[in-house]
Amino acid sequence: MPSSLLLLLNIATITIIMIATHCTTTTDATITITLTTTITTNTHHHYHLYHYHYYHHRRCQTDPTSLSSNLNRNEIMR
């Protein structure tokens, strides 16, 4: 699959996940933009970032700060 189609699929998936889980705060939107930008500029980590976001999005319903705190912790560990 061409990388451009993969990117569009990922953007659509992240958007759907955020709408479905009601993770529509400013923080969540910023994280989504950051992930999308990173994926655009660094396709090597596409699957890692996509998997990370997909794995942690479910916690937004109970703890809106978990996504941002987990992302920050993940970035520090790199």
PDB file of N, CA and C in Angstrom:
ATOM      1  N   MET A   1       0.852  -1.192   0.000  1.00  0.00           N
ATOM      2  CA  MET A   1       0.000   0.000   0.000  1.00  0.00           C
ATOM      3  C   MET A   1       0.891   1.247   0.000  1.00  0.00           C
ATOM      4  N   PRO A   2       0.621   2.179  -0.892  1.00  0.00           N
ATOM      5  CA  PRO A   2       1.426   3.420  -0.922  1.00  0.00           C
ATOM      6  C   PRO A   2       1.343   4.156   0.409  1.00  0.00           C
ATOM      7  N   SER A   3       2.436   4.814   0.778  1.00  0.00           N
ATOM      8  CA  SER A   3       2.482   5.482   2.082  1.00  0.00           C
ATOM      9  C   SER A   3       1.417   6.567   2.217  1.00  0.00           C
ATOM     10  N   SER A   4       1.060   7.236   1.116  1.00  0.00           N
ATOM     11  CA  SER A   4       0.041   8.290   1.201  1.00  0.00           C
ATOM     12  C   SER A   4      -1.321   7.708   1.574  1.00  0.00           C
ATOM     13  N   LEU A   5      -1.639   6.547   1.025  1.00  0.00           N
ATOM     14  CA  LEU A   5      -2.907   5.908   1.382  1.00  0.00           C
ATOM     15  C   LEU A   5      -2.879   5.424   2.826  1.00  0.00           C
ATOM     16  N   LEU A   6      -1.741   4.924   3.249  1.00  0.00           N
ATOM     17  CA  LEU A   6      -1.581   4.473   4.626  1.00  0.00           C
ATOM     18  C   LEU A   6      -1.759   5.642   5.590  1.00  0.00           C
ATOM     19  N   LEU A   7      -1.204   6.785   5.237  1.00  0.00           N
ATOM     20  CA  LEU A   7      -1.326   7.980   6.070  1.00  0.00           C
ATOM     21  C   LEU A   7      -2.780   8.425   6.171  1.00  0.00           C
ATOM     22  N   LEU A   8      -3.479   8.464   5.049  1.00  0.00           N
ATOM     23  CA  LEU A   8      -4.883   8.868   5.058  1.00  0.00           C
ATOM     24  C   LEU A   8      -5.719   7.903   5.895  1.00  0.00           C
ATOM     25  N   LEU A   9      -5.432   6.621   5.773  1.00  0.00           N
ATOM     26  CA  LEU A   9      -6.139   5.627   6.568  1.00  0.00           C
ATOM     27  C   LEU A   9      -5.894   5.857   8.052  1.00  0.00           C
ATOM     28  N   ASN A  10      -4.664   6.161   8.400  1.00  0.00           N
ATOM     29  CA  ASN A  10      -4.322   6.403   9.804  1.00  0.00           C
ATOM     30  C   ASN A  10      -5.019   7.648  10.350  1.00  0.00           C
ATOM     31  N   ILE A  11      -5.009   8.728   9.583  1.00  0.00           N
ATOM     32  CA  ILE A  11      -5.677   9.968  10.011  1.00  0.00           C
ATOM     33  C   ILE A  11      -7.163   9.704  10.236  1.00  0.00           C
ATOM     34  N   ALA A  12      -7.781   9.004   9.307  1.00  0.00           N
ATOM     35  CA  ALA A  12      -9.207   8.698   9.427  1.00  0.00           C
ATOM     36  C   ALA A  12      -9.472   7.837  10.658  1.00  0.00           C
ATOM     37  N   THR A  13      -8.614   6.863  10.892  1.00  0.00           N
ATOM     38  CA  THR A  13      -8.789   5.969  12.040  1.00  0.00           C
ATOM     39  C   THR A  13      -8.661   6.722  13.354  1.00  0.00           C
ATOM     40  N   ILE A  14      -7.648   7.565  13.467  1.00  0.00           N
ATOM     41  CA  ILE A  14      -7.468   8.351  14.692  1.00  0.00           C
ATOM     42  C   ILE A  14      -8.673   9.256  14.924  1.00  0.00           C
ATOM     43  N   THR A  15      -9.171   9.885  13.866  1.00  0.00           N
ATOM     44  CA  THR A  15     -10.335  10.763  13.987  1.00  0.00           C
ATOM     45  C   THR A  15     -11.548   9.984  14.471  1.00  0.00           C
ATOM     46  N   ILE A  16     -11.783   8.826  13.879  1.00  0.00           N
ATOM     47  CA  ILE A  16     -12.923   7.991  14.274  1.00  0.00           C
ATOM     48  C   ILE A  16     -12.786   7.548  15.725  1.00  0.00           C
ATOM     49  N   ILE A  17     -11.586   7.147  16.118  1.00  0.00           N
ATOM     50  CA  ILE A  17     -11.343   6.725  17.502  1.00  0.00           C
ATOM     51  C   ILE A  17     -11.656   7.866  18.464  1.00  0.00           C
ATOM     52  N   MET A  18     -11.201   9.062  18.153  1.00  0.00           N
ATOM     53  CA  MET A  18     -11.432  10.203  19.045  1.00  0.00           C
ATOM     54  C   MET A  18     -12.912  10.529  19.151  1.00  0.00           C
ATOM     55  N   ILE A  19     -13.629  10.484  18.026  1.00  0.00           N
ATOM     56  CA  ILE A  19     -15.060  10.768  18.050  1.00  0.00           C
ATOM     57  C   ILE A  19     -15.792   9.686  18.842  1.00  0.00           C
ATOM     58  N   ALA A  20     -15.430   8.439  18.603  1.00  0.00           N
ATOM     59  CA  ALA A  20     -16.109   7.320  19.257  1.00  0.00           C
ATOM     60  C   ALA A  20     -15.890   7.311  20.764  1.00  0.00           C
ATOM     61  N   THR A  21     -14.735   7.764  21.210  1.00  0.00           N
ATOM     62  CA  THR A  21     -14.433   7.745  22.648  1.00  0.00           C
ATOM     63  C   THR A  21     -14.648   9.106  23.302  1.00  0.00           C
ATOM     64  N   HIS A  22     -15.132  10.067  22.530  1.00  0.00           N
ATOM     65  CA  HIS A  22     -15.381  11.419  23.030  1.00  0.00           C
ATOM     66  C   HIS A  22     -14.115  12.085  23.548  1.00  0.00           C
ATOM     67  N   CYS A  23     -12.978  11.721  23.001  1.00  0.00           N
ATOM     68  CA  CYS A  23     -11.719  12.349  23.394  1.00  0.00           C
ATOM     69  C   CYS A  23     -11.497  13.567  22.499  1.00  0.00           C
ATOM     70  N   THR A  24     -12.239  14.601  22.757  1.00  0.00           N
ATOM     71  CA  THR A  24     -12.193  15.762  21.875  1.00  0.00           C
ATOM     72  C   THR A  24     -11.732  17.012  22.611  1.00  0.00           C
ATOM     73  N   THR A  25     -10.982  16.836  23.689  1.00  0.00           N
ATOM     74  CA  THR A  25     -10.448  17.999  24.390  1.00  0.00           C
ATOM     75  C   THR A  25      -9.315  18.605  23.573  1.00  0.00           C
ATOM     76  N   THR A  26      -8.902  19.785  23.947  1.00  0.00           N
ATOM     77  CA  THR A  26      -7.799  20.448  23.253  1.00  0.00           C
ATOM     78  C   THR A  26      -6.536  19.611  23.321  1.00  0.00           C
ATOM     79  N   THR A  27      -6.281  19.013  24.467  1.00  0.00           N
ATOM     80  CA  THR A  27      -5.086  18.180  24.630  1.00  0.00           C
ATOM     81  C   THR A  27      -5.106  17.011  23.665  1.00  0.00           C
ATOM     82  N   ASP A  28      -6.237  16.331  23.579  1.00  0.00           N
ATOM     83  CA  ASP A  28      -6.342  15.183  22.684  1.00  0.00           C
ATOM     84  C   ASP A  28      -6.190  15.597  21.230  1.00  0.00           C
ATOM     85  N   ALA A  29      -6.766  16.734  20.872  1.00  0.00           N
ATOM     86  CA  ALA A  29      -6.635  17.219  19.503  1.00  0.00           C
ATOM     87  C   ALA A  29      -5.179  17.538  19.185  1.00  0.00           C
ATOM     88  N   THR A  30      -4.478  18.145  20.127  1.00  0.00           N
ATOM     89  CA  THR A  30      -3.064  18.468  19.940  1.00  0.00           C
ATOM     90  C   THR A  30      -2.241  17.204  19.763  1.00  0.00           C
ATOM     91  N   ILE A  31      -2.526  16.192  20.574  1.00  0.00           N
ATOM     92  CA  ILE A  31      -1.799  14.926  20.463  1.00  0.00           C
ATOM     93  C   ILE A  31      -2.043  14.296  19.097  1.00  0.00           C
ATOM     94  N   THR A  32      -3.286  14.328  18.634  1.00  0.00           N
ATOM     95  CA  THR A  32      -3.607  13.748  17.332  1.00  0.00           C
ATOM     96  C   THR A  32      -2.855  14.458  16.225  1.00  0.00           C
ATOM     97  N   ILE A  33      -2.822  15.798  16.279  1.00  0.00           N
ATOM     98  CA  ILE A  33      -2.091  16.575  15.277  1.00  0.00           C
ATOM     99  C   ILE A  33      -0.603  16.239  15.341  1.00  0.00           C
ATOM    100  N   THR A  34      -0.069  16.126  16.550  1.00  0.00           N
ATOM    101  CA  THR A  34       1.348  15.794  16.723  1.00  0.00           C
ATOM    102  C   THR A  34       1.661  14.424  16.153  1.00  0.00           C
ATOM    103  N   LEU A  35       0.828  13.437  16.474  1.00  0.00           N
ATOM    104  CA  LEU A  35       1.045  12.087  15.956  1.00  0.00           C
ATOM    105  C   LEU A  35       0.965  12.074  14.440  1.00  0.00           C
ATOM    106  N   THR A  36      -0.039  12.757  13.894  1.00  0.00           N
ATOM    107  CA  THR A  36      -0.217  12.782  12.449  1.00  0.00           C
ATOM    108  C   THR A  36       0.975  13.439  11.772  1.00  0.00           C
ATOM    109  N   THR A  37       1.458  14.546  12.343  1.00  0.00           N
ATOM    110  CA  THR A  37       2.621  15.236  11.787  1.00  0.00           C
ATOM    111  C   THR A  37       3.851  14.346  11.846  1.00  0.00           C
ATOM    112  N   THR A  38       4.032  13.680  12.974  1.00  0.00           N
ATOM    113  CA  THR A  38       5.177  12.784  13.132  1.00  0.00           C
ATOM    114  C   THR A  38       5.109  11.646  12.127  1.00  0.00           C
ATOM    115  N   ILE A  39       3.927  11.095  11.944  1.00  0.00           N
ATOM    116  CA  ILE A  39       3.749   9.997  10.995  1.00  0.00           C
ATOM    117  C   ILE A  39       4.052  10.480   9.575  1.00  0.00           C
ATOM    118  N   THR A  40       3.638  11.703   9.270  1.00  0.00           N
ATOM    119  CA  THR A  40       3.883  12.252   7.940  1.00  0.00           C
ATOM    120  C   THR A  40       5.371  12.401   7.676  1.00  0.00           C
ATOM    121  N   THR A  41       6.107  12.862   8.668  1.00  0.00           N
ATOM    122  CA  THR A  41       7.524  13.159   8.467  1.00  0.00           C
ATOM    123  C   THR A  41       8.429  11.975   8.785  1.00  0.00           C
ATOM    124  N   ASN A  42       7.885  10.954   9.418  1.00  0.00           N
ATOM    125  CA  ASN A  42       8.715   9.825   9.815  1.00  0.00           C
ATOM    126  C   ASN A  42       7.912   8.532   9.678  1.00  0.00           C
ATOM    127  N   THR A  43       7.777   8.059   8.447  1.00  0.00           N
ATOM    128  CA  THR A  43       6.939   6.887   8.196  1.00  0.00           C
ATOM    129  C   THR A  43       7.522   5.623   8.816  1.00  0.00           C
ATOM    130  N   HIS A  44       8.790   5.654   9.181  1.00  0.00           N
ATOM    131  CA  HIS A  44       9.419   4.482   9.794  1.00  0.00           C
ATOM    132  C   HIS A  44       8.719   4.102  11.097  1.00  0.00           C
ATOM    133  N   HIS A  45       8.229   5.093  11.823  1.00  0.00           N
ATOM    134  CA  HIS A  45       7.587   4.841  13.111  1.00  0.00           C
ATOM    135  C   HIS A  45       6.066   4.809  13.002  1.00  0.00           C
ATOM    136  N   HIS A  46       5.567   4.758  11.778  1.00  0.00           N
ATOM    137  CA  HIS A  46       4.120   4.812  11.565  1.00  0.00           C
ATOM    138  C   HIS A  46       3.377   3.764  12.395  1.00  0.00           C
ATOM    139  N   TYR A  47       3.797   2.521  12.286  1.00  0.00           N
ATOM    140  CA  TYR A  47       3.062   1.458  12.959  1.00  0.00           C
ATOM    141  C   TYR A  47       3.184   1.560  14.471  1.00  0.00           C
ATOM    142  N   HIS A  48       4.353   1.954  14.960  1.00  0.00           N
ATOM    143  CA  HIS A  48       4.555   2.115  16.400  1.00  0.00           C
ATOM    144  C   HIS A  48       3.612   3.182  16.956  1.00  0.00           C
ATOM    145  N   LEU A  49       3.566   4.330  16.301  1.00  0.00           N
ATOM    146  CA  LEU A  49       2.728   5.420  16.790  1.00  0.00           C
ATOM    147  C   LEU A  49       1.253   5.067  16.676  1.00  0.00           C
ATOM    148  N   TYR A  50       0.892   4.433  15.561  1.00  0.00           N
ATOM    149  CA  TYR A  50      -0.505   4.056  15.374  1.00  0.00           C
ATOM    150  C   TYR A  50      -0.932   3.057  16.452  1.00  0.00           C
ATOM    151  N   HIS A  51      -0.104   2.056  16.691  1.00  0.00           N
ATOM    152  CA  HIS A  51      -0.416   1.046  17.699  1.00  0.00           C
ATOM    153  C   HIS A  51      -0.501   1.690  19.085  1.00  0.00           C
ATOM    154  N   TYR A  52       0.419   2.589  19.381  1.00  0.00           N
ATOM    155  CA  TYR A  52       0.444   3.257  20.681  1.00  0.00           C
ATOM    156  C   TYR A  52      -0.846   4.035  20.907  1.00  0.00           C
ATOM    157  N   HIS A  53      -1.245   4.804  19.897  1.00  0.00           N
ATOM    158  CA  HIS A  53      -2.448   5.611  20.034  1.00  0.00           C
ATOM    159  C   HIS A  53      -3.681   4.717  20.166  1.00  0.00           C
ATOM    160  N   TYR A  54      -3.748   3.679  19.355  1.00  0.00           N
ATOM    161  CA  TYR A  54      -4.901   2.788  19.378  1.00  0.00           C
ATOM    162  C   TYR A  54      -5.012   2.060  20.721  1.00  0.00           C
ATOM    163  N   TYR A  55      -3.869   1.662  21.274  1.00  0.00           N
ATOM    164  CA  TYR A  55      -3.855   0.919  22.532  1.00  0.00           C
ATOM    165  C   TYR A  55      -4.323   1.791  23.697  1.00  0.00           C
ATOM    166  N   HIS A  56      -3.957   3.051  23.700  1.00  0.00           N
ATOM    167  CA  HIS A  56      -4.245   3.908  24.849  1.00  0.00           C
ATOM    168  C   HIS A  56      -5.531   4.723  24.724  1.00  0.00           C
ATOM    169  N   HIS A  57      -6.164   4.758  23.560  1.00  0.00           N
ATOM    170  CA  HIS A  57      -7.326   5.635  23.403  1.00  0.00           C
ATOM    171  C   HIS A  57      -8.486   5.210  24.285  1.00  0.00           C
ATOM    172  N   ARG A  58      -8.563   3.928  24.627  1.00  0.00           N
ATOM    173  CA  ARG A  58      -9.699   3.423  25.397  1.00  0.00           C
ATOM    174  C   ARG A  58      -9.755   4.004  26.803  1.00  0.00           C
ATOM    175  N   ARG A  59      -8.631   4.474  27.311  1.00  0.00           N
ATOM    176  CA  ARG A  59      -8.595   5.004  28.672  1.00  0.00           C
ATOM    177  C   ARG A  59      -9.133   6.432  28.748  1.00  0.00           C
ATOM    178  N   CYS A  60      -9.389   7.053  27.628  1.00  0.00           N
ATOM    179  CA  CYS A  60      -9.870   8.437  27.628  1.00  0.00           C
ATOM    180  C   CYS A  60     -11.217   8.551  28.329  1.00  0.00           C
ATOM    181  N   GLN A  61     -12.037   7.530  28.223  1.00  0.00           N
ATOM    182  CA  GLN A  61     -13.379   7.599  28.795  1.00  0.00           C
ATOM    183  C   GLN A  61     -13.339   7.743  30.315  1.00  0.00           C
ATOM    184  N   THR A  62     -12.370   7.106  30.950  1.00  0.00           N
ATOM    185  CA  THR A  62     -12.317   7.143  32.410  1.00  0.00           C
ATOM    186  C   THR A  62     -11.314   8.160  32.935  1.00  0.00           C
ATOM    187  N   ASP A  63     -10.269   8.424  32.164  1.00  0.00           N
ATOM    188  CA  ASP A  63      -9.233   9.353  32.614  1.00  0.00           C
ATOM    189  C   ASP A  63      -8.742  10.177  31.430  1.00  0.00           C
ATOM    190  N   PRO A  64      -9.306  11.372  31.238  1.00  0.00           N
ATOM    191  CA  PRO A  64      -8.956  12.193  30.077  1.00  0.00           C
ATOM    192  C   PRO A  64      -7.476  12.565  30.007  1.00  0.00           C
ATOM    193  N   THR A  65      -6.773  12.506  31.135  1.00  0.00           N
ATOM    194  CA  THR A  65      -5.360  12.901  31.123  1.00  0.00           C
ATOM    195  C   THR A  65      -4.433  11.728  30.814  1.00  0.00           C
ATOM    196  N   SER A  66      -4.969  10.514  30.784  1.00  0.00           N
ATOM    197  CA  SER A  66      -4.101   9.341  30.637  1.00  0.00           C
ATOM    198  C   SER A  66      -3.397   9.324  29.288  1.00  0.00           C
ATOM    199  N   LEU A  67      -4.099   9.757  28.238  1.00  0.00           N
ATOM    200  CA  LEU A  67      -3.495   9.717  26.905  1.00  0.00           C
ATOM    201  C   LEU A  67      -2.282  10.627  26.835  1.00  0.00           C
ATOM    202  N   SER A  68      -2.421  11.859  27.342  1.00  0.00           N
ATOM    203  CA  SER A  68      -1.297  12.788  27.281  1.00  0.00           C
ATOM    204  C   SER A  68      -0.163  12.349  28.199  1.00  0.00           C
ATOM    205  N   SER A  69      -0.489  11.843  29.387  1.00  0.00           N
ATOM    206  CA  SER A  69       0.569  11.427  30.303  1.00  0.00           C
ATOM    207  C   SER A  69       1.307  10.207  29.763  1.00  0.00           C
ATOM    208  N   ASN A  70       0.578   9.282  29.161  1.00  0.00           N
ATOM    209  CA  ASN A  70       1.220   8.105  28.577  1.00  0.00           C
ATOM    210  C   ASN A  70       2.085   8.490  27.392  1.00  0.00           C
ATOM    211  N   LEU A  71       1.617   9.419  26.588  1.00  0.00           N
ATOM    212  CA  LEU A  71       2.394   9.854  25.431  1.00  0.00           C
ATOM    213  C   LEU A  71       3.683  10.528  25.891  1.00  0.00           C
ATOM    214  N   ASN A  72       3.567  11.399  26.904  1.00  0.00           N
ATOM    215  CA  ASN A  72       4.760  12.079  27.412  1.00  0.00           C
ATOM    216  C   ASN A  72       5.761  11.071  27.970  1.00  0.00           C
ATOM    217  N   ARG A  73       5.285  10.091  28.695  1.00  0.00           N
ATOM    218  CA  ARG A  73       6.161   9.073  29.263  1.00  0.00           C
ATOM    219  C   ARG A  73       6.836   8.277  28.147  1.00  0.00           C
ATOM    220  N   ASN A  74       6.086   7.973  27.098  1.00  0.00           N
ATOM    221  CA  ASN A  74       6.624   7.222  25.968  1.00  0.00           C
ATOM    222  C   ASN A  74       7.709   8.023  25.254  1.00  0.00           C
ATOM    223  N   GLU A  75       7.487   9.317  25.084  1.00  0.00           N
ATOM    224  CA  GLU A  75       8.466  10.152  24.391  1.00  0.00           C
ATOM    225  C   GLU A  75       9.745  10.284  25.211  1.00  0.00           C
ATOM    226  N   ILE A  76       9.613  10.362  26.530  1.00  0.00           N
ATOM    227  CA  ILE A  76      10.787  10.489  27.396  1.00  0.00           C
ATOM    228  C   ILE A  76      11.626   9.211  27.340  1.00  0.00           C
ATOM    229  N   MET A  77      10.967   8.068  27.230  1.00  0.00           N
ATOM    230  CA  MET A  77      11.666   6.788  27.228  1.00  0.00           C
ATOM    231  C   MET A  77      12.460   6.544  25.949  1.00  0.00           C
ATOM    232  N   ARG A  78      12.172   7.265  24.891  1.00  0.00           N
ATOM    233  CA  ARG A  78      12.861   7.045  23.615  1.00  0.00           C
ATOM    234  C   ARG A  78      14.324   7.374  23.713  1.00  0.00           C
TER     235      ARG A  78
END
